[in-house]
C-alpha atoms as a PDB file:
ATOM      1  CA  MET A   1       4.337  20.894  -5.594  1.00  0.00           C
ATOM      2  CA  THR A   2       3.726  19.673  -2.048  1.00  0.00           C
ATOM      3  CA  ASP A   3       1.721  16.554  -1.169  1.00  0.00           C
ATOM      4  CA  ALA A   4      -1.054  18.773   0.194  1.00  0.00           C
ATOM      5  CA  ASP A   5      -1.198  20.724  -3.090  1.00  0.00           C
ATOM      6  CA  GLN A   6      -1.437  17.510  -5.102  1.00  0.00           C
ATOM      7  CA  GLN A   7      -4.128  16.071  -2.825  1.00  0.00           C
ATOM      8  CA  GLN A   8      -6.222  19.188  -3.329  1.00  0.00           C
ATOM      9  CA  LEU A   9      -5.930  18.762  -7.106  1.00  0.00           C
ATOM     10  CA  ASP A  10      -7.218  15.192  -6.799  1.00  0.00           C
ATOM     11  CA  PRO A  11      -9.844  15.389  -4.028  1.00  0.00           C
ATOM     12  CA  GLN A  12     -11.211  11.904  -4.654  1.00  0.00           C
ATOM     13  CA  LEU A  13     -10.200   8.626  -6.199  1.00  0.00           C
ATOM     14  CA  ASP A  14     -10.792   8.483  -9.944  1.00  0.00           C
ATOM     15  CA  PRO A  15     -14.374   7.137 -10.280  1.00  0.00           C
ATOM     16  CA  ALA A  16     -13.280   4.723 -13.025  1.00  0.00           C
ATOM     17  CA  ILE A  17     -10.784   3.144 -10.621  1.00  0.00           C
ATOM     18  CA  ALA A  18     -13.220   3.197  -7.688  1.00  0.00           C
ATOM     19  CA  ALA A  19     -15.842   1.371  -9.773  1.00  0.00           C
ATOM     20  CA  ARG A  20     -13.441  -1.529 -10.363  1.00  0.00           C
ATOM     21  CA  LEU A  21     -12.626  -2.145  -6.687  1.00  0.00           C
ATOM     22  CA  LYS A  22     -14.286  -4.982  -4.777  1.00  0.00           C
ATOM     23  CA  ARG A  23     -14.080  -4.023  -1.125  1.00  0.00           C
ATOM     24  CA  THR A  24     -14.622  -5.870   2.144  1.00  0.00           C
ATOM     25  CA  ALA A  25     -17.688  -5.002   4.218  1.00  0.00           C
ATOM     26  CA  ASP A  26     -15.440  -2.390   5.903  1.00  0.00           C
ATOM     27  CA  GLY A  27     -14.667  -0.759   2.534  1.00  0.00           C
ATOM     28  CA  LEU A  28     -11.111  -2.089   2.404  1.00  0.00           C
ATOM     29  CA  VAL A  29      -8.966  -3.796  -0.226  1.00  0.00           C
ATOM     30  CA  PRO A  30      -5.852  -5.819   0.634  1.00  0.00           C
ATOM     31  CA  ALA A  31      -2.678  -4.291  -0.789  1.00  0.00           C
ATOM     32  CA  ILE A  32       0.437  -6.399  -1.282  1.00  0.00           C
ATOM     33  CA  ALA A  33       3.690  -4.410  -1.292  1.00  0.00           C
ATOM     34  CA  GLN A  34       6.385  -5.873  -3.534  1.00  0.00           C
ATOM     35  CA  GLN A  35       9.933  -4.672  -4.205  1.00  0.00           C
ATOM     36  CA  HIS A  36       9.712  -3.430  -7.793  1.00  0.00           C
ATOM     37  CA  ASP A  37      13.087  -4.667  -9.069  1.00  0.00           C
ATOM     38  CA  THR A  38      13.494  -8.027  -7.284  1.00  0.00           C
ATOM     39  CA  GLY A  39       9.902  -9.204  -6.916  1.00  0.00           C
ATOM     40  CA  GLU A  40      10.394  -9.730  -3.164  1.00  0.00           C
ATOM     41  CA  VAL A  41       7.047  -9.695  -1.339  1.00  0.00           C
ATOM     42  CA  LEU A  42       7.413  -7.212   1.509  1.00  0.00           C
ATOM     43  CA  MET A  43       4.138  -6.846   3.376  1.00  0.00           C
ATOM     44  CA  MET A  44       0.357  -6.694   3.203  1.00  0.00           C
ATOM     45  CA  GLY A  45      -1.669  -3.699   4.303  1.00  0.00           C
ATOM     46  CA  TRP A  46      -5.203  -2.416   3.811  1.00  0.00           C
ATOM     47  CA  MET A  47      -6.341   0.453   1.620  1.00  0.00           C
ATOM     48  CA  ASP A  48      -9.662   2.166   1.193  1.00  0.00           C
ATOM     49  CA  ASP A  49     -10.448   4.643  -1.579  1.00  0.00           C
ATOM     50  CA  GLU A  50      -8.735   7.508   0.238  1.00  0.00           C
ATOM     51  CA  ALA A  51      -5.560   5.528   0.995  1.00  0.00           C
ATOM     52  CA  LEU A  52      -5.363   4.466  -2.650  1.00  0.00           C
ATOM     53  CA  ARG A  53      -5.931   8.036  -3.820  1.00  0.00           C
ATOM     54  CA  ARG A  54      -3.165   9.294  -1.537  1.00  0.00           C
ATOM     55  CA  THR A  55      -0.863   6.516  -2.759  1.00  0.00           C
ATOM     56  CA  LEU A  56      -1.508   7.371  -6.401  1.00  0.00           C
ATOM     57  CA  THR A  57      -1.174  11.133  -5.956  1.00  0.00           C
ATOM     58  CA  THR A  58       1.787  11.325  -3.568  1.00  0.00           C
ATOM     59  CA  GLY A  59       3.995   8.486  -4.825  1.00  0.00           C
ATOM     60  CA  ARG A  60       4.237   7.099  -1.268  1.00  0.00           C
ATOM     61  CA  ALA A  61       2.415   4.017  -0.029  1.00  0.00           C
ATOM     62  CA  VAL A  62      -0.438   5.001   2.295  1.00  0.00           C
ATOM     63  CA  TYR A  63      -2.452   2.394   4.186  1.00  0.00           C
ATOM     64  CA  TRP A  64      -5.455   2.287   6.519  1.00  0.00           C
ATOM     65  CA  SER A  65      -4.657   1.031  10.013  1.00  0.00           C
ATOM     66  CA  ARG A  66      -7.541  -1.094  11.236  1.00  0.00           C
ATOM     67  CA  SER A  67      -6.211  -1.088  14.816  1.00  0.00           C
ATOM     68  CA  ARG A  68      -5.580   2.676  15.039  1.00  0.00           C
ATOM     69  CA  GLN A  69      -8.418   3.673  12.682  1.00  0.00           C
ATOM     70  CA  GLU A  70      -6.202   6.128  10.804  1.00  0.00           C
ATOM     71  CA  TYR A  71      -4.177   6.526   7.625  1.00  0.00           C
ATOM     72  CA  TRP A  72      -0.446   5.965   7.747  1.00  0.00           C
ATOM     73  CA  ALA A  73       2.140   6.664   5.105  1.00  0.00           C
ATOM     74  CA  LYS A  74       4.746   3.926   5.328  1.00  0.00           C
ATOM     75  CA  GLY A  75       7.896   5.365   6.866  1.00  0.00           C
ATOM     76  CA  ASP A  76       6.462   8.479   8.524  1.00  0.00           C
ATOM     77  CA  THR A  77       7.712   7.362  11.933  1.00  0.00           C
ATOM     78  CA  SER A  78      10.338   4.728  11.046  1.00  0.00           C
ATOM     79  CA  GLY A  79      11.920   6.358   8.015  1.00  0.00           C
ATOM     80  CA  HIS A  80      11.369   3.098   6.118  1.00  0.00           C
ATOM     81  CA  VAL A  81       9.546   4.709   3.210  1.00  0.00           C
ATOM     82  CA  GLN A  82       7.902   2.939   0.290  1.00  0.00           C
ATOM     83  CA  HIS A  83       8.347   4.937  -2.923  1.00  0.00           C
ATOM     84  CA  VAL A  84       5.612   3.733  -5.282  1.00  0.00           C
ATOM     85  CA  LYS A  85       6.686   2.676  -8.762  1.00  0.00           C
ATOM     86  CA  GLU A  86       3.330   1.289  -9.930  1.00  0.00           C
ATOM     87  CA  VAL A  87       0.000   0.060  -8.626  1.00  0.00           C
ATOM     88  CA  ARG A  88      -1.889  -2.823 -10.215  1.00  0.00           C
ATOM     89  CA  LEU A  89      -5.342  -4.259  -9.629  1.00  0.00           C
ATOM     90  CA  ASP A  90      -5.832  -8.009  -9.873  1.00  0.00           C
ATOM     91  CA  CYS A  91      -8.255  -9.609 -12.345  1.00  0.00           C
ATOM     92  CA  ASP A  92     -11.068  -9.833  -9.761  1.00  0.00           C
ATOM     93  CA  GLY A  93     -10.655  -6.245  -8.561  1.00  0.00           C
ATOM     94  CA  ASP A  94     -10.236  -7.382  -4.961  1.00  0.00           C
ATOM     95  CA  THR A  95      -6.480  -7.075  -4.373  1.00  0.00           C
ATOM     96  CA  LEU A  96      -3.941  -4.358  -5.102  1.00  0.00           C
ATOM     97  CA  LEU A  97      -0.284  -4.955  -5.940  1.00  0.00           C
ATOM     98  CA  VAL A  98       1.850  -1.973  -4.962  1.00  0.00           C
ATOM     99  CA  LYS A  99       5.306  -2.167  -6.515  1.00  0.00           C
ATOM    100  CA  VAL A 100       7.656  -0.050  -4.432  1.00  0.00           C
ATOM    101  CA  ASP A 101      11.234   0.894  -3.812  1.00  0.00           C
ATOM    102  CA  GLN A 102      11.506  -0.013  -0.132  1.00  0.00           C
ATOM    103  CA  VAL A 103      13.894   2.031   2.022  1.00  0.00           C
ATOM    104  CA  GLY A 104      14.968  -0.077   5.006  1.00  0.00           C
ATOM    105  CA  ALA A 105      12.743  -2.656   6.651  1.00  0.00           C
ATOM    106  CA  ALA A 106       9.166  -3.196   5.512  1.00  0.00           C
ATOM    107  CA  CYS A 107       8.046  -5.124   8.582  1.00  0.00           C
ATOM    108  CA  HIS A 108       7.228  -3.466  11.907  1.00  0.00           C
ATOM    109  CA  THR A 109       9.534  -6.064  13.544  1.00  0.00           C
ATOM    110  CA  GLY A 110      12.512  -4.540  11.746  1.00  0.00           C
ATOM    111  CA  ASP A 111      12.812  -7.361   9.208  1.00  0.00           C
ATOM    112  CA  ARG A 112      13.174  -6.581   5.522  1.00  0.00           C
ATOM    113  CA  THR A 113       9.933  -8.459   4.783  1.00  0.00           C
ATOM    114  CA  CYS A 114       6.997  -9.631   6.859  1.00  0.00           C
ATOM    115  CA  PHE A 115       7.222 -13.039   5.165  1.00  0.00           C
ATOM    116  CA  ASP A 116      10.646 -14.350   6.147  1.00  0.00           C
ATOM    117  CA  ALA A 117      10.108 -15.603   9.707  1.00  0.00           C
ATOM    118  CA  ASP A 118       7.640 -18.509   9.578  1.00  0.00           C
ATOM    119  CA  LEU A 119       8.038 -21.080   6.819  1.00  0.00           C
ATOM    120  CA  LEU A 120       5.012 -23.350   7.155  1.00  0.00           C
ATOM    121  CA  GLY A 121       6.121 -25.834   4.490  1.00  0.00           C
ATOM    122  CA  PRO A 122       7.070 -27.550   2.346  1.00  0.00           C
ATOM    123  CA  ALA A 123      10.741 -27.209   3.224  1.00  0.00           C
END
């Protein structure tokens, strides 16, 4: 089954899941991507209901780009795909944890993670 076929089967986010989400004024929820087997924190992106639905139905991490105002599946242009292993919602319903198998770099700078460049302290 293709991604398009699956998306047509699930045309909207499960209402039970949607009801639990606490969104920003822009309708977004922060999504932390974490390497599923090591626990390494890779990046943070934004998801709305549609991005989360696509993530859950395709098995690939899909985010909403606030700067480009469009959806992007991680790795479509770079090849650095995030294969989703599980998605969790925090206790407040305002943050998603997306456990992935990261292929290549997660950061747009080419680094494995977006969180390895600037240690603010303590050392």
